[in-house]
Amino acid sequence: MVKHAADEQQPLYTAEERINLAFARATAGRTFSAEQRQWLDRIRAHLIENLSIGREDFDALPVFTRAGGWRRADTVFYGQLSELLQDFNEAIAA
């Protein structure tokens, strides 16, 4: 909304549209396993509702804790989950 207010030519996206664009940017050129895609679906759903995500969410929110929390998710992403979350958060803010 801020970008749109500063420049009316900038599109105004819904939360879901913004997250879909961020996911496309952050995952471009990467291949994911079936289990990784399940985690990405959980992350996407969380982001649509909250527009940001952090490590603490994985051990606090049932959507993540039921699937094993941070430890499991980070293992599934070979210890690179922090970087992936940073990529998502940056892409959302861009």
Protein backbone atom coordinates (compact mmCIF):
# COMPACT_ATOMS: atom_id res chain seq x y z
CA MET A 1 0.00 0.00 0.00
CA VAL A 2 2.89 2.33 0.75
CA LYS A 3 4.42 1.73 -2.68
CA HIS A 4 1.05 2.33 -4.30
CA ALA A 5 0.55 5.56 -2.33
CA ALA A 6 3.98 6.78 -3.40
CA ASP A 7 3.49 5.69 -7.01
CA GLU A 8 -0.03 4.98 -8.21
CA GLN A 9 1.43 2.94 -11.07
CA GLN A 10 2.52 0.29 -8.54
CA PRO A 11 -0.05 -2.51 -8.33
CA LEU A 12 -1.98 -3.09 -5.13
CA TYR A 13 -1.83 -6.81 -4.25
CA THR A 14 -3.87 -8.94 -1.89
CA ALA A 15 -1.90 -10.81 0.78
CA GLU A 16 -2.20 -14.04 -1.19
CA GLU A 17 -0.99 -12.39 -4.42
CA ARG A 18 1.95 -10.83 -2.57
CA ILE A 19 2.91 -14.20 -1.05
CA ASN A 20 2.61 -16.00 -4.39
CA LEU A 21 4.93 -13.45 -6.01
CA ALA A 22 7.38 -13.71 -3.11
CA PHE A 23 7.37 -17.51 -3.33
CA ALA A 24 8.01 -17.38 -7.06
CA ARG A 25 11.01 -15.08 -6.50
CA ALA A 26 12.44 -16.95 -3.53
CA THR A 27 12.08 -20.42 -5.04
CA ALA A 28 13.01 -19.66 -8.66
CA GLY A 29 15.43 -22.21 -10.05
CA ARG A 30 15.18 -24.49 -7.00
CA THR A 31 13.84 -28.02 -6.90
CA PHE A 32 12.03 -29.33 -3.83
CA SER A 33 11.23 -32.81 -2.57
CA ALA A 34 7.65 -33.85 -1.75
CA GLU A 35 8.30 -33.31 1.98
CA GLN A 36 9.84 -29.91 1.35
CA ARG A 37 6.79 -28.93 -0.71
CA GLN A 38 4.54 -29.93 2.22
CA TRP A 39 6.53 -27.60 4.47
CA LEU A 40 6.38 -24.88 1.82
CA ASP A 41 2.59 -25.23 1.74
CA ARG A 42 2.48 -24.75 5.53
CA ILE A 43 4.81 -21.76 5.29
CA ARG A 44 2.75 -20.24 2.46
CA ALA A 45 -0.50 -20.59 4.46
CA HIS A 46 1.14 -18.94 7.48
CA LEU A 47 2.52 -16.11 5.39
CA ILE A 48 -0.84 -15.35 3.77
CA GLU A 49 -2.24 -14.76 7.25
CA ASN A 50 0.79 -13.02 8.80
CA LEU A 51 3.00 -11.62 5.98
CA SER A 52 6.19 -12.62 7.82
CA ILE A 53 7.68 -15.71 9.39
CA GLY A 54 10.43 -16.43 11.88
CA ARG A 55 12.10 -19.38 13.51
CA GLU A 56 10.01 -18.96 16.68
CA ASP A 57 6.83 -19.64 14.69
CA PHE A 58 7.96 -23.21 14.04
CA ASP A 59 7.99 -24.13 17.73
CA ALA A 60 4.95 -22.07 18.74
CA LEU A 61 2.27 -22.60 16.12
CA PRO A 62 0.36 -25.90 15.78
CA VAL A 63 0.55 -25.87 11.99
CA PHE A 64 4.31 -26.34 12.38
CA THR A 65 4.63 -28.16 15.72
CA ARG A 66 2.30 -30.96 14.59
CA ALA A 67 4.75 -31.67 11.75
CA GLY A 68 7.85 -31.64 13.98
CA GLY A 69 8.60 -27.96 14.50
CA TRP A 70 11.83 -26.19 13.69
CA ARG A 71 14.12 -29.19 14.10
CA ARG A 72 12.22 -31.30 11.56
CA ALA A 73 11.69 -28.46 9.09
CA ASP A 74 15.34 -27.39 9.18
CA THR A 75 16.43 -31.00 8.71
CA VAL A 76 14.13 -31.36 5.70
CA PHE A 77 15.76 -28.26 4.18
CA TYR A 78 19.29 -29.54 4.98
CA GLY A 79 19.99 -26.84 7.55
CA GLN A 80 19.13 -24.04 5.11
CA LEU A 81 15.69 -23.11 6.44
CA SER A 82 16.86 -19.85 8.04
CA GLU A 83 18.17 -18.63 4.70
CA LEU A 84 14.99 -19.67 2.92
CA LEU A 85 12.83 -17.82 5.45
CA GLN A 86 15.00 -14.74 5.05
CA ASP A 87 14.53 -14.99 1.27
CA PHE A 88 10.75 -15.17 1.73
CA ASN A 89 10.62 -12.25 4.15
CA GLU A 90 12.80 -10.10 1.88
CA ALA A 91 10.76 -10.99 -1.20
CA ILE A 92 7.54 -10.10 0.61
CA ALA A 93 8.91 -6.72 1.66
CA ALA A 94 10.27 -5.91 -1.80
